[in-house]
C-alpha atoms as a PDB file:
ATOM      1  CA  UNK A   1      82.705 107.211  81.924  1.00  0.00           C
ATOM      2  CA  UNK A   2      85.166 105.947  80.154  1.00  0.00           C
ATOM      3  CA  UNK A   3      88.413 105.313  82.392  1.00  0.00           C
ATOM      4  CA  UNK A   4      91.398 103.636  81.336  1.00  0.00           C
ATOM      5  CA  UNK A   5      94.329 102.370  83.304  1.00  0.00           C
ATOM      6  CA  UNK A   6      98.267 102.614  82.265  1.00  0.00           C
ATOM      7  CA  UNK A   7     101.697 103.073  83.676  1.00  0.00           C
ATOM      8  CA  UNK A   8     102.800 106.272  85.052  1.00  0.00           C
ATOM      9  CA  UNK A   9     105.217 107.780  82.597  1.00  0.00           C
ATOM     10  CA  UNK A  10     108.087 110.118  83.766  1.00  0.00           C
ATOM     11  CA  UNK A  11     105.603 113.139  82.151  1.00  0.00           C
ATOM     12  CA  UNK A  12     102.828 112.444  84.339  1.00  0.00           C
ATOM     13  CA  UNK A  13     104.769 113.552  87.460  1.00  0.00           C
ATOM     14  CA  UNK A  14     102.994 116.725  88.091  1.00  0.00           C
ATOM     15  CA  UNK A  15      99.363 115.418  87.773  1.00  0.00           C
ATOM     16  CA  UNK A  16     100.654 112.386  90.034  1.00  0.00           C
ATOM     17  CA  UNK A  17     102.187 115.029  92.433  1.00  0.00           C
ATOM     18  CA  UNK A  18      99.833 117.175  93.029  1.00  0.00           C
ATOM     19  CA  UNK A  19      97.362 114.019  93.662  1.00  0.00           C
ATOM     20  CA  UNK A  20      99.843 113.323  96.507  1.00  0.00           C
ATOM     21  CA  UNK A  21      99.455 117.219  97.213  1.00  0.00           C
ATOM     22  CA  UNK A  22      95.453 116.859  97.688  1.00  0.00           C
ATOM     23  CA  UNK A  23      95.328 113.732  99.758  1.00  0.00           C
ATOM     24  CA  UNK A  24      98.462 114.963 102.465  1.00  0.00           C
ATOM     25  CA  UNK A  25      96.091 117.857 102.728  1.00  0.00           C
ATOM     26  CA  UNK A  26      93.517 115.571 103.189  1.00  0.00           C
ATOM     27  CA  UNK A  27      95.397 113.374 105.750  1.00  0.00           C
ATOM     28  CA  UNK A  28      96.835 116.283 107.491  1.00  0.00           C
ATOM     29  CA  UNK A  29      93.208 116.840 108.833  1.00  0.00           C
ATOM     30  CA  UNK A  30      92.694 113.460 109.984  1.00  0.00           C
ATOM     31  CA  UNK A  31      96.011 112.947 111.914  1.00  0.00           C
ATOM     32  CA  UNK A  32      97.755 116.236 112.112  1.00  0.00           C
ATOM     33  CA  UNK A  33     101.001 114.835 111.138  1.00  0.00           C
ATOM     34  CA  UNK A  34     100.913 115.246 107.526  1.00  0.00           C
ATOM     35  CA  UNK A  35     102.843 118.113 105.483  1.00  0.00           C
ATOM     36  CA  UNK A  36     100.680 120.061 103.482  1.00  0.00           C
ATOM     37  CA  UNK A  37     102.906 121.869 101.607  1.00  0.00           C
ATOM     38  CA  UNK A  38     103.712 120.847  97.801  1.00  0.00           C
ATOM     39  CA  UNK A  39     107.514 120.230  98.271  1.00  0.00           C
ATOM     40  CA  UNK A  40     106.332 117.505 100.692  1.00  0.00           C
ATOM     41  CA  UNK A  41     104.374 115.907  97.864  1.00  0.00           C
ATOM     42  CA  UNK A  42     107.084 116.318  95.713  1.00  0.00           C
ATOM     43  CA  UNK A  43     109.763 114.682  97.980  1.00  0.00           C
ATOM     44  CA  UNK A  44     107.251 112.106  98.792  1.00  0.00           C
ATOM     45  CA  UNK A  45     106.832 111.081  95.259  1.00  0.00           C
ATOM     46  CA  UNK A  46     110.497 110.751  94.694  1.00  0.00           C
ATOM     47  CA  UNK A  47     110.517 108.255  97.200  1.00  0.00           C
ATOM     48  CA  UNK A  48     107.765 106.588  96.369  1.00  0.00           C
ATOM     49  CA  UNK A  49     109.326 106.077  92.772  1.00  0.00           C
ATOM     50  CA  UNK A  50     112.206 104.826  94.033  1.00  0.00           C
ATOM     51  CA  UNK A  51     110.833 102.448  96.511  1.00  0.00           C
ATOM     52  CA  UNK A  52     108.805 100.799  93.657  1.00  0.00           C
ATOM     53  CA  UNK A  53     111.849 100.287  91.361  1.00  0.00           C
ATOM     54  CA  UNK A  54     113.551  98.304  93.942  1.00  0.00           C
ATOM     55  CA  UNK A  55     110.360  96.273  94.449  1.00  0.00           C
ATOM     56  CA  UNK A  56     109.488  95.358  90.685  1.00  0.00           C
ATOM     57  CA  UNK A  57     106.675  98.258  91.240  1.00  0.00           C
ATOM     58  CA  UNK A  58     104.773 100.862  89.192  1.00  0.00           C
ATOM     59  CA  UNK A  59     102.757 103.551  89.461  1.00  0.00           C
ATOM     60  CA  UNK A  60      99.117 102.864  87.463  1.00  0.00           C
ATOM     61  CA  UNK A  61      96.856 105.784  86.670  1.00  0.00           C
ATOM     62  CA  UNK A  62      93.592 106.211  86.022  1.00  0.00           C
ATOM     63  CA  UNK A  63      92.552 108.416  83.260  1.00  0.00           C
ATOM     64  CA  UNK A  64      89.617 109.728  81.654  1.00  0.00           C
ATOM     65  CA  UNK A  65      90.089 111.787  78.155  1.00  0.00           C
ATOM     66  CA  UNK A  66      93.759 112.372  79.198  1.00  0.00           C
ATOM     67  CA  UNK A  67      92.942 113.771  82.701  1.00  0.00           C
ATOM     68  CA  UNK A  68      94.744 111.600  85.361  1.00  0.00           C
ATOM     69  CA  UNK A  69      91.862 111.075  87.906  1.00  0.00           C
ATOM     70  CA  UNK A  70      93.655 108.730  89.908  1.00  0.00           C
ATOM     71  CA  UNK A  71      96.837 106.561  90.968  1.00  0.00           C
ATOM     72  CA  UNK A  72      97.864 103.954  92.621  1.00  0.00           C
ATOM     73  CA  UNK A  73     101.476 102.152  93.411  1.00  0.00           C
ATOM     74  CA  UNK A  74     102.034  98.504  93.205  1.00  0.00           C
ATOM     75  CA  UNK A  75     104.763  96.295  94.101  1.00  0.00           C
ATOM     76  CA  UNK A  76     106.053  93.113  94.950  1.00  0.00           C
ATOM     77  CA  UNK A  77     107.203  92.059  98.369  1.00  0.00           C
ATOM     78  CA  UNK A  78     108.540  89.803 100.549  1.00  0.00           C
ATOM     79  CA  UNK A  79     107.174  89.372 104.209  1.00  0.00           C
ATOM     80  CA  UNK A  80     109.776  88.531 107.335  1.00  0.00           C
ATOM     81  CA  UNK A  81     110.778  84.743 107.289  1.00  0.00           C
ATOM     82  CA  UNK A  82     108.652  84.042 110.131  1.00  0.00           C
ATOM     83  CA  UNK A  83     105.568  84.236 107.498  1.00  0.00           C
ATOM     84  CA  UNK A  84     104.877  80.904 105.304  1.00  0.00           C
ATOM     85  CA  UNK A  85     106.235  80.637 102.115  1.00  0.00           C
ATOM     86  CA  UNK A  86     103.390  80.221  99.871  1.00  0.00           C
ATOM     87  CA  UNK A  87     102.727  84.141 100.832  1.00  0.00           C
ATOM     88  CA  UNK A  88     105.478  85.565 101.662  1.00  0.00           C
ATOM     89  CA  UNK A  89     105.983  87.405  98.578  1.00  0.00           C
ATOM     90  CA  UNK A  90     102.919  89.112  98.151  1.00  0.00           C
ATOM     91  CA  UNK A  91     101.260  92.043  95.901  1.00  0.00           C
ATOM     92  CA  UNK A  92     100.720  95.431  97.675  1.00  0.00           C
ATOM     93  CA  UNK A  93      99.158  98.772  97.139  1.00  0.00           C
ATOM     94  CA  UNK A  94     101.415 101.429  97.984  1.00  0.00           C
ATOM     95  CA  UNK A  95      99.354 104.234  97.718  1.00  0.00           C
ATOM     96  CA  UNK A  96      95.668 104.705  96.484  1.00  0.00           C
ATOM     97  CA  UNK A  97      94.642 108.134  95.363  1.00  0.00           C
ATOM     98  CA  UNK A  98      90.994 109.487  93.566  1.00  0.00           C
ATOM     99  CA  UNK A  99      91.018 113.117  92.464  1.00  0.00           C
ATOM    100  CA  UNK A 100      87.995 113.795  95.671  1.00  0.00           C
ATOM    101  CA  UNK A 101      85.953 114.795  92.169  1.00  0.00           C
ATOM    102  CA  UNK A 102      86.165 111.404  91.174  1.00  0.00           C
ATOM    103  CA  UNK A 103      85.358 109.514  94.249  1.00  0.00           C
ATOM    104  CA  UNK A 104      82.269 107.192  94.158  1.00  0.00           C
ATOM    105  CA  UNK A 105      82.891 106.627  90.307  1.00  0.00           C
ATOM    106  CA  UNK A 106      84.076 102.758  90.954  1.00  0.00           C
ATOM    107  CA  UNK A 107      87.855 104.453  90.341  1.00  0.00           C
ATOM    108  CA  UNK A 108      89.240 102.943  93.114  1.00  0.00           C
ATOM    109  CA  UNK A 109      87.745  99.754  93.079  1.00  0.00           C
ATOM    110  CA  UNK A 110      89.147  99.504  89.179  1.00  0.00           C
ATOM    111  CA  UNK A 111      92.519  99.836  90.648  1.00  0.00           C
ATOM    112  CA  UNK A 112      92.008  97.226  93.204  1.00  0.00           C
ATOM    113  CA  UNK A 113      91.106  94.918  90.476  1.00  0.00           C
ATOM    114  CA  UNK A 114      94.342  96.132  88.842  1.00  0.00           C
ATOM    115  CA  UNK A 115      96.224  95.492  91.931  1.00  0.00           C
ATOM    116  CA  UNK A 116      94.506  91.844  92.139  1.00  0.00           C
ATOM    117  CA  UNK A 117      95.508  91.037  88.059  1.00  0.00           C
ATOM    118  CA  UNK A 118      99.272  91.972  88.655  1.00  0.00           C
ATOM    119  CA  UNK A 119      99.653  89.859  92.017  1.00  0.00           C
ATOM    120  CA  UNK A 120      97.880  87.062  89.982  1.00  0.00           C
ATOM    121  CA  UNK A 121     100.225  87.391  87.278  1.00  0.00           C
ATOM    122  CA  UNK A 122     103.185  87.373  89.372  1.00  0.00           C
ATOM    123  CA  UNK A 123     102.097  84.091  90.602  1.00  0.00           C
ATOM    124  CA  UNK A 124     100.860  85.340  93.884  1.00  0.00           C
ATOM    125  CA  UNK A 125      97.765  84.883  96.141  1.00  0.00           C
ATOM    126  CA  UNK A 126      98.197  87.523  98.801  1.00  0.00           C
ATOM    127  CA  UNK A 127      97.332  91.244  98.215  1.00  0.00           C
ATOM    128  CA  UNK A 128      98.309  93.822 100.666  1.00  0.00           C
ATOM    129  CA  UNK A 129      97.025  97.330 101.363  1.00  0.00           C
ATOM    130  CA  UNK A 130      97.334  99.714 104.540  1.00  0.00           C
ATOM    131  CA  UNK A 131      95.107 102.894 105.691  1.00  0.00           C
ATOM    132  CA  UNK A 132      95.112 104.958 108.053  1.00  0.00           C
ATOM    133  CA  UNK A 133      92.652 103.981 110.788  1.00  0.00           C
ATOM    134  CA  UNK A 134      91.182 107.497 110.616  1.00  0.00           C
ATOM    135  CA  UNK A 135      90.178 107.425 106.862  1.00  0.00           C
ATOM    136  CA  UNK A 136      87.009 105.508 107.530  1.00  0.00           C
ATOM    137  CA  UNK A 137      85.869 105.521 103.459  1.00  0.00           C
ATOM    138  CA  UNK A 138      89.424 104.278 102.711  1.00  0.00           C
ATOM    139  CA  UNK A 139      88.983 101.729 105.203  1.00  0.00           C
ATOM    140  CA  UNK A 140      85.342 101.165 104.216  1.00  0.00           C
ATOM    141  CA  UNK A 141      86.433 100.941 100.350  1.00  0.00           C
ATOM    142  CA  UNK A 142      88.896  98.253 101.325  1.00  0.00           C
ATOM    143  CA  UNK A 143      86.671  95.946 103.534  1.00  0.00           C
ATOM    144  CA  UNK A 144      83.758  96.062 100.616  1.00  0.00           C
ATOM    145  CA  UNK A 145      86.353  95.018  98.427  1.00  0.00           C
ATOM    146  CA  UNK A 146      87.706  91.783 100.404  1.00  0.00           C
ATOM    147  CA  UNK A 147      90.369  93.113 102.457  1.00  0.00           C
ATOM    148  CA  UNK A 148      90.503  92.195 106.203  1.00  0.00           C
ATOM    149  CA  UNK A 149      92.324  93.269 109.370  1.00  0.00           C
ATOM    150  CA  UNK A 150      95.770  91.638 109.523  1.00  0.00           C
ATOM    151  CA  UNK A 151      98.177  93.983 111.135  1.00  0.00           C
ATOM    152  CA  UNK A 152      97.977  96.505 113.520  1.00  0.00           C
ATOM    153  CA  UNK A 153     100.397  99.561 113.866  1.00  0.00           C
ATOM    154  CA  UNK A 154      99.867 101.801 117.155  1.00  0.00           C
ATOM    155  CA  UNK A 155     101.585 105.261 117.664  1.00  0.00           C
ATOM    156  CA  UNK A 156     102.679 106.912 120.761  1.00  0.00           C
ATOM    157  CA  UNK A 157     103.060 110.684 120.825  1.00  0.00           C
ATOM    158  CA  UNK A 158     105.922 111.274 123.310  1.00  0.00           C
END
């Protein structure tokens, strides 16, 4: 396996949207609140790019032989003023999507190492990531990489 990482280009739009769409379908089965239509994935991609642009971010792609097999959103964020200055600015993995046919090959770990590198290169010492509680595989992967629970978001359907 010869996976290379690179920053996404506008010409990668369709491939990244396809990854988002596949993840939305997977997560819809876990939570019931994800859109399953392609238009939802396309709209999210546009939102993601807009959000990352304002936060010194980028989409990092993993590819093999020109085939995009994974994508990760990365940004530099600022926590609320109540967080100590030494860790208030931090790196954030906003999204991490590995095509289901490529999972279990270490590609997610490779992308997480890149997020660590980008965070350190920015002079920061904290990296944050979120995962759906119902996505046990993602949460297990992140814990194995060294992430620990920090904040718990709760939801109540009314």
